[in-house]
Amino acid sequence: MATQTLKLNVKSGEKDGKNFWDRCGVLFVNTDDTGNITSINVKHCMFPDVEMVAFPRRDNDPVTE
């Protein structure tokens, strides 16, 4: 199982056409040996004591876009 780690940033300001970003969390994407996503965990500074987990859409779940 492999894990990809992605930084979550929020735009904190702009000056002279340059954007400034603050780190607000981390996203962990966990995959199985074949590369399928098994789970996604989020750690966010606005919710420090909350464990957030998401799983990929199942085949029988409707797509609502």
C-alpha atoms as a PDB file:
ATOM      1  CA  MET A   1       0.000   0.000   0.000  1.00  0.00           C
ATOM      2  CA  ALA A   2       1.333   3.418  -0.966  1.00  0.00           C
ATOM      3  CA  THR A   3       0.422   6.830   0.380  1.00  0.00           C
ATOM      4  CA  GLN A   4       0.585  10.145  -1.445  1.00  0.00           C
ATOM      5  CA  THR A   5       0.743  13.291   0.673  1.00  0.00           C
ATOM      6  CA  LEU A   6      -0.661  16.571  -0.651  1.00  0.00           C
ATOM      7  CA  LYS A   7      -0.419  19.969   1.050  1.00  0.00           C
ATOM      8  CA  LEU A   8      -3.626  21.982   1.420  1.00  0.00           C
ATOM      9  CA  ASN A   9      -3.102  25.735   1.095  1.00  0.00           C
ATOM     10  CA  VAL A  10      -5.422  28.694   1.449  1.00  0.00           C
ATOM     11  CA  LYS A  11      -4.870  32.034  -0.229  1.00  0.00           C
ATOM     12  CA  SER A  12      -3.957  34.467   2.535  1.00  0.00           C
ATOM     13  CA  GLY A  13      -3.399  37.602   0.532  1.00  0.00           C
ATOM     14  CA  GLU A  14      -2.274  39.345  -2.609  1.00  0.00           C
ATOM     15  CA  LYS A  15       0.166  42.184  -3.162  1.00  0.00           C
ATOM     16  CA  ASP A  16       1.522  43.620  -6.394  1.00  0.00           C
ATOM     17  CA  GLY A  17      -0.040  40.779  -8.387  1.00  0.00           C
ATOM     18  CA  LYS A  18       1.619  38.106  -6.236  1.00  0.00           C
ATOM     19  CA  ASN A  19      -0.460  35.591  -4.265  1.00  0.00           C
ATOM     20  CA  PHE A  20       0.460  34.514  -0.734  1.00  0.00           C
ATOM     21  CA  TRP A  21      -0.548  31.116   0.619  1.00  0.00           C
ATOM     22  CA  ASP A  22      -0.723  29.590   4.105  1.00  0.00           C
ATOM     23  CA  ARG A  23      -0.696  25.871   4.734  1.00  0.00           C
ATOM     24  CA  CYS A  24      -4.028  24.829   6.233  1.00  0.00           C
ATOM     25  CA  GLY A  25      -3.804  21.054   6.170  1.00  0.00           C
ATOM     26  CA  VAL A  26      -2.595  17.824   4.638  1.00  0.00           C
ATOM     27  CA  LEU A  27      -4.382  15.255   2.470  1.00  0.00           C
ATOM     28  CA  PHE A  28      -3.250  11.600   2.558  1.00  0.00           C
ATOM     29  CA  VAL A  29      -4.294   9.411  -0.410  1.00  0.00           C
ATOM     30  CA  ASN A  30      -3.877   5.701   0.377  1.00  0.00           C
ATOM     31  CA  THR A  31      -3.780   3.173  -2.478  1.00  0.00           C
ATOM     32  CA  ASP A  32      -3.596  -0.605  -2.774  1.00  0.00           C
ATOM     33  CA  ASP A  33      -0.899  -2.493  -4.687  1.00  0.00           C
ATOM     34  CA  THR A  34      -2.725  -2.006  -8.012  1.00  0.00           C
ATOM     35  CA  GLY A  35      -3.023   1.775  -7.558  1.00  0.00           C
ATOM     36  CA  ASN A  36      -6.718   1.926  -6.604  1.00  0.00           C
ATOM     37  CA  ILE A  37      -7.552   4.499  -3.940  1.00  0.00           C
ATOM     38  CA  THR A  38      -8.545   2.732  -0.730  1.00  0.00           C
ATOM     39  CA  SER A  39      -9.070   5.788   1.471  1.00  0.00           C
ATOM     40  CA  ILE A  40      -8.382   9.490   1.827  1.00  0.00           C
ATOM     41  CA  ASN A  41      -7.537  11.086   5.176  1.00  0.00           C
ATOM     42  CA  VAL A  42      -7.587  14.830   5.806  1.00  0.00           C
ATOM     43  CA  LYS A  43      -5.925  16.758   8.606  1.00  0.00           C
ATOM     44  CA  HIS A  44      -7.082  20.383   8.623  1.00  0.00           C
ATOM     45  CA  CYS A  45      -6.045  23.218  10.944  1.00  0.00           C
ATOM     46  CA  MET A  46      -9.664  24.421  11.322  1.00  0.00           C
ATOM     47  CA  PHE A  47     -10.622  21.008  12.736  1.00  0.00           C
ATOM     48  CA  PRO A  48      -7.544  19.857  14.689  1.00  0.00           C
ATOM     49  CA  ASP A  49      -9.289  17.147  16.749  1.00  0.00           C
ATOM     50  CA  VAL A  50     -11.480  15.777  13.938  1.00  0.00           C
ATOM     51  CA  GLU A  51     -10.410  12.754  11.917  1.00  0.00           C
ATOM     52  CA  MET A  52     -11.781  13.118   8.382  1.00  0.00           C
ATOM     53  CA  VAL A  53     -11.820  10.095   6.100  1.00  0.00           C
ATOM     54  CA  ALA A  54     -13.281   9.666   2.616  1.00  0.00           C
ATOM     55  CA  PHE A  55     -13.557   6.625   0.404  1.00  0.00           C
ATOM     56  CA  PRO A  56     -13.862   6.407  -3.373  1.00  0.00           C
ATOM     57  CA  ARG A  57     -17.296   6.246  -4.986  1.00  0.00           C
ATOM     58  CA  ARG A  58     -18.742   2.739  -5.177  1.00  0.00           C
ATOM     59  CA  ASP A  59     -20.046   1.421  -8.502  1.00  0.00           C
ATOM     60  CA  ASN A  60     -23.637   1.361  -7.220  1.00  0.00           C
ATOM     61  CA  ASP A  61     -23.549   4.977  -5.929  1.00  0.00           C
ATOM     62  CA  PRO A  62     -25.361   7.425  -8.223  1.00  0.00           C
ATOM     63  CA  VAL A  63     -23.399  10.276  -9.772  1.00  0.00           C
ATOM     64  CA  THR A  64     -25.076  13.596  -8.969  1.00  0.00           C
ATOM     65  CA  GLU A  65     -23.326  16.264 -11.007  1.00  0.00           C
END
